[in-house]
Amino acid sequence: MNDFKTADLCDDYIDLLKVATPIGLNNYGGKTSFHGEIVTVKCLDNNPLVRSTLSKNGKDKVLIIDGEASKKCALTGDNIAQLAYDNEWSGIIINGCIRDSVAISKINIGVKALYTNPIKSGKLENGTVNIPVSFADITFTPGEYIYADEDGIVIAQNKLH
C-alpha cells in the first residue's frame, strides 16, 4: 500500500484501527505520508538508542520515539534523520523535540514531532528498545503497522492491503 490516506483507512477499517488523538505532532520531514512496521525506543533526553536503532536496516519500518514529551532537548537532528533515510526507514515519530528542522525538511523521510529545540540531547545509553509505548491516547506496539499523513496517525495490528 504505497498511496493511502488515513481518512480513507478510517472509512474502510475503523473497527481494526487505533486512532491517535491529535496532540500537536508537526510534520518536519520531506515526506508527509509514510507507513510501516512499528519499532519503538523509550528514552528521556538522551539519544544513543535512537542512533543505534536507526543505524540498522529499517526497510518498511517506522521508529516511534517516546521522549515523554520533554522540551529540554532534541532527540533527533538532521544527521540522525539522514542516517534513517540512508538505512531505508519510512519515518520517525517523536513524542518530544527535533532540531535542524530546515535541513530535515529536505530529507525524503517522514518525521513528526511535537516541538523544535536547538539543544542536543545527552549521550547516556539509557532507555528501552522495542517495548510498547503510549502517548496520544494509544499504545504503539512493536510489530504492529502504523500509517501517518497530514490528517493523522492510525495503527493496525496487521498490515493493511
Protein backbone atom coordinates (compact mmCIF):
# COMPACT_ATOMS: atom_id res chain seq x y z
CA MET A 1 0.00 0.00 0.00
CA ASN A 2 2.03 2.93 -1.27
CA ASP A 3 -0.70 5.52 -1.64
CA PHE A 4 -3.08 5.85 1.27
CA LYS A 5 -5.00 8.44 3.22
CA THR A 6 -5.61 7.93 6.91
CA ALA A 7 -9.14 9.29 6.38
CA ASP A 8 -9.83 6.53 3.83
CA LEU A 9 -8.31 3.90 6.13
CA CYS A 10 -10.67 5.08 8.89
CA ASP A 11 -13.62 4.87 6.48
CA ASP A 12 -12.71 1.34 5.40
CA TYR A 13 -11.17 -0.24 8.52
CA ILE A 14 -12.25 1.77 11.58
CA ASP A 15 -13.04 -1.37 13.60
CA LEU A 16 -9.48 -2.63 13.04
CA LEU A 17 -7.69 0.62 13.88
CA LYS A 18 -6.34 2.52 16.84
CA VAL A 19 -6.54 6.24 16.02
CA ALA A 20 -4.13 8.64 17.71
CA THR A 21 -5.62 11.64 19.47
CA PRO A 22 -4.29 14.85 17.91
CA ILE A 23 -1.62 16.11 20.33
CA GLY A 24 0.11 18.62 18.10
CA LEU A 25 2.60 16.46 16.22
CA ASN A 26 4.03 18.54 13.40
CA ASN A 27 5.38 17.32 10.06
CA TYR A 28 9.06 18.17 9.68
CA GLY A 29 10.33 15.62 7.16
CA GLY A 30 10.40 15.88 3.39
CA LYS A 31 7.71 13.20 3.22
CA THR A 32 4.38 13.81 4.98
CA SER A 33 2.76 10.44 4.26
CA PHE A 34 4.50 7.29 5.45
CA HIS A 35 3.80 3.86 6.90
CA GLY A 36 5.46 0.71 8.12
CA GLU A 37 6.04 -1.77 10.89
CA ILE A 38 6.43 -0.19 14.33
CA VAL A 39 9.78 -0.23 16.15
CA THR A 40 10.00 1.67 19.46
CA VAL A 41 12.55 3.44 21.62
CA LYS A 42 11.68 4.93 25.01
CA CYS A 43 14.28 7.42 26.19
CA LEU A 44 14.35 10.69 28.09
CA ASP A 45 16.67 13.49 26.96
CA ASN A 46 19.32 11.05 25.63
CA ASN A 47 19.51 9.64 22.11
CA PRO A 48 22.20 6.89 21.74
CA LEU A 49 19.46 4.23 21.48
CA VAL A 50 17.78 6.27 18.75
CA ARG A 51 21.01 6.44 16.74
CA SER A 52 21.86 2.75 17.22
CA THR A 53 18.34 1.67 16.23
CA LEU A 54 18.32 3.86 13.11
CA SER A 55 21.78 2.53 12.19
CA LYS A 56 20.11 -0.79 11.34
CA ASN A 57 18.18 -1.52 8.16
CA GLY A 58 14.69 -0.13 8.59
CA LYS A 59 13.07 -1.00 5.28
CA ASP A 60 9.30 -0.60 5.65
CA LYS A 61 9.61 0.38 9.32
CA VAL A 62 8.72 3.46 11.37
CA LEU A 63 10.56 4.34 14.58
CA ILE A 64 8.37 5.60 17.41
CA ILE A 65 10.42 7.54 19.97
CA ASP A 66 8.75 8.18 23.31
CA GLY A 67 10.69 11.06 24.80
CA GLU A 68 7.91 11.68 27.33
CA ALA A 69 7.05 14.98 25.58
CA SER A 70 10.19 16.55 27.06
CA LYS A 71 11.03 20.03 25.83
CA LYS A 72 14.56 20.04 27.30
CA CYS A 73 16.44 18.92 24.17
CA ALA A 74 16.12 17.41 20.71
CA LEU A 75 16.19 13.63 20.32
CA THR A 76 16.71 13.81 16.54
CA GLY A 77 18.54 16.21 14.25
CA ASP A 78 19.48 16.25 10.60
CA ASN A 79 22.33 13.73 10.98
CA ILE A 80 20.07 11.15 12.58
CA ALA A 81 17.27 11.82 10.08
CA GLN A 82 19.77 11.34 7.23
CA LEU A 83 21.00 8.12 8.88
CA ALA A 84 17.41 6.86 9.00
CA TYR A 85 16.88 7.74 5.34
CA ASP A 86 20.16 6.06 4.34
CA ASN A 87 19.05 2.90 6.17
CA GLU A 88 15.65 2.88 4.41
CA TRP A 89 13.41 3.78 7.35
CA SER A 90 9.98 5.05 6.27
CA GLY A 91 9.66 7.54 9.09
CA ILE A 92 10.20 8.67 12.66
CA ILE A 93 7.56 9.88 15.12
CA ILE A 94 8.88 11.65 18.22
CA ASN A 95 6.98 12.37 21.40
CA GLY A 96 9.43 15.19 22.03
CA CYS A 97 11.71 17.54 20.09
CA ILE A 98 13.82 17.65 16.96
CA ARG A 99 16.38 20.19 15.80
CA ASP A 100 17.76 21.15 12.37
CA SER A 101 14.18 21.39 11.12
CA VAL A 102 15.03 23.16 7.85
CA ALA A 103 17.61 20.52 6.93
CA ILE A 104 15.24 17.69 7.93
CA SER A 105 12.54 19.15 5.67
CA LYS A 106 14.84 18.45 2.71
CA ILE A 107 15.32 14.75 3.55
CA ASN A 108 12.79 12.44 1.89
CA ILE A 109 11.64 10.76 5.08
CA GLY A 110 8.62 11.18 7.30
CA VAL A 111 9.37 12.98 10.57
CA LYS A 112 6.70 14.04 13.05
CA ALA A 113 7.50 15.65 16.40
CA LEU A 114 5.90 17.90 18.98
CA TYR A 115 8.45 20.71 19.04
CA THR A 116 11.81 22.00 17.90
CA ASN A 117 14.66 22.77 20.29
CA PRO A 118 18.23 23.65 19.24
CA ILE A 119 19.81 21.91 22.26
CA LYS A 120 21.32 18.49 21.53
CA SER A 121 20.41 15.52 23.68
CA GLY A 122 22.52 13.83 26.29
CA LYS A 123 24.57 10.79 25.34
CA LEU A 124 23.77 8.40 28.18
CA GLU A 125 22.73 4.99 26.93
CA ASN A 126 19.56 4.81 28.96
CA GLY A 127 16.14 3.78 27.77
CA THR A 128 14.49 0.74 26.29
CA VAL A 129 14.03 -0.62 22.78
CA ASN A 130 11.01 -2.47 21.38
CA ILE A 131 8.58 -2.22 24.24
CA PRO A 132 5.02 -0.91 23.93
CA VAL A 133 4.96 2.88 24.45
CA SER A 134 1.92 5.07 24.94
CA PHE A 135 1.10 8.65 24.03
CA ALA A 136 -1.67 10.37 22.04
CA ASP A 137 -4.13 8.09 23.88
CA ILE A 138 -2.91 4.94 22.10
CA THR A 139 -0.25 2.29 22.57
CA PHE A 140 2.40 1.83 19.89
CA THR A 141 3.26 -1.87 19.93
CA PRO A 142 6.32 -3.21 18.11
CA GLY A 143 5.29 -5.35 15.15
CA GLU A 144 2.02 -3.53 14.53
CA TYR A 145 1.61 -1.29 11.47
CA ILE A 146 1.38 2.48 11.51
CA TYR A 147 0.03 4.81 8.83
CA ALA A 148 0.69 8.55 9.17
CA ASP A 149 -0.16 11.52 6.96
CA GLU A 150 -1.22 15.15 7.21
CA ASP A 151 -4.56 14.15 8.75
CA GLY A 152 -3.42 11.83 11.49
CA ILE A 153 -1.95 8.58 12.70
CA VAL A 154 -3.64 5.18 12.73
CA ILE A 155 -2.37 1.78 13.80
CA ALA A 156 -3.48 -1.67 12.67
CA GLN A 157 -2.49 -4.95 14.27
CA ASN A 158 -1.69 -6.34 10.81
CA LYS A 159 -0.56 -4.76 7.56
CA LEU A 160 -3.49 -3.35 5.57
CA HIS A 161 -3.52 -4.42 1.92
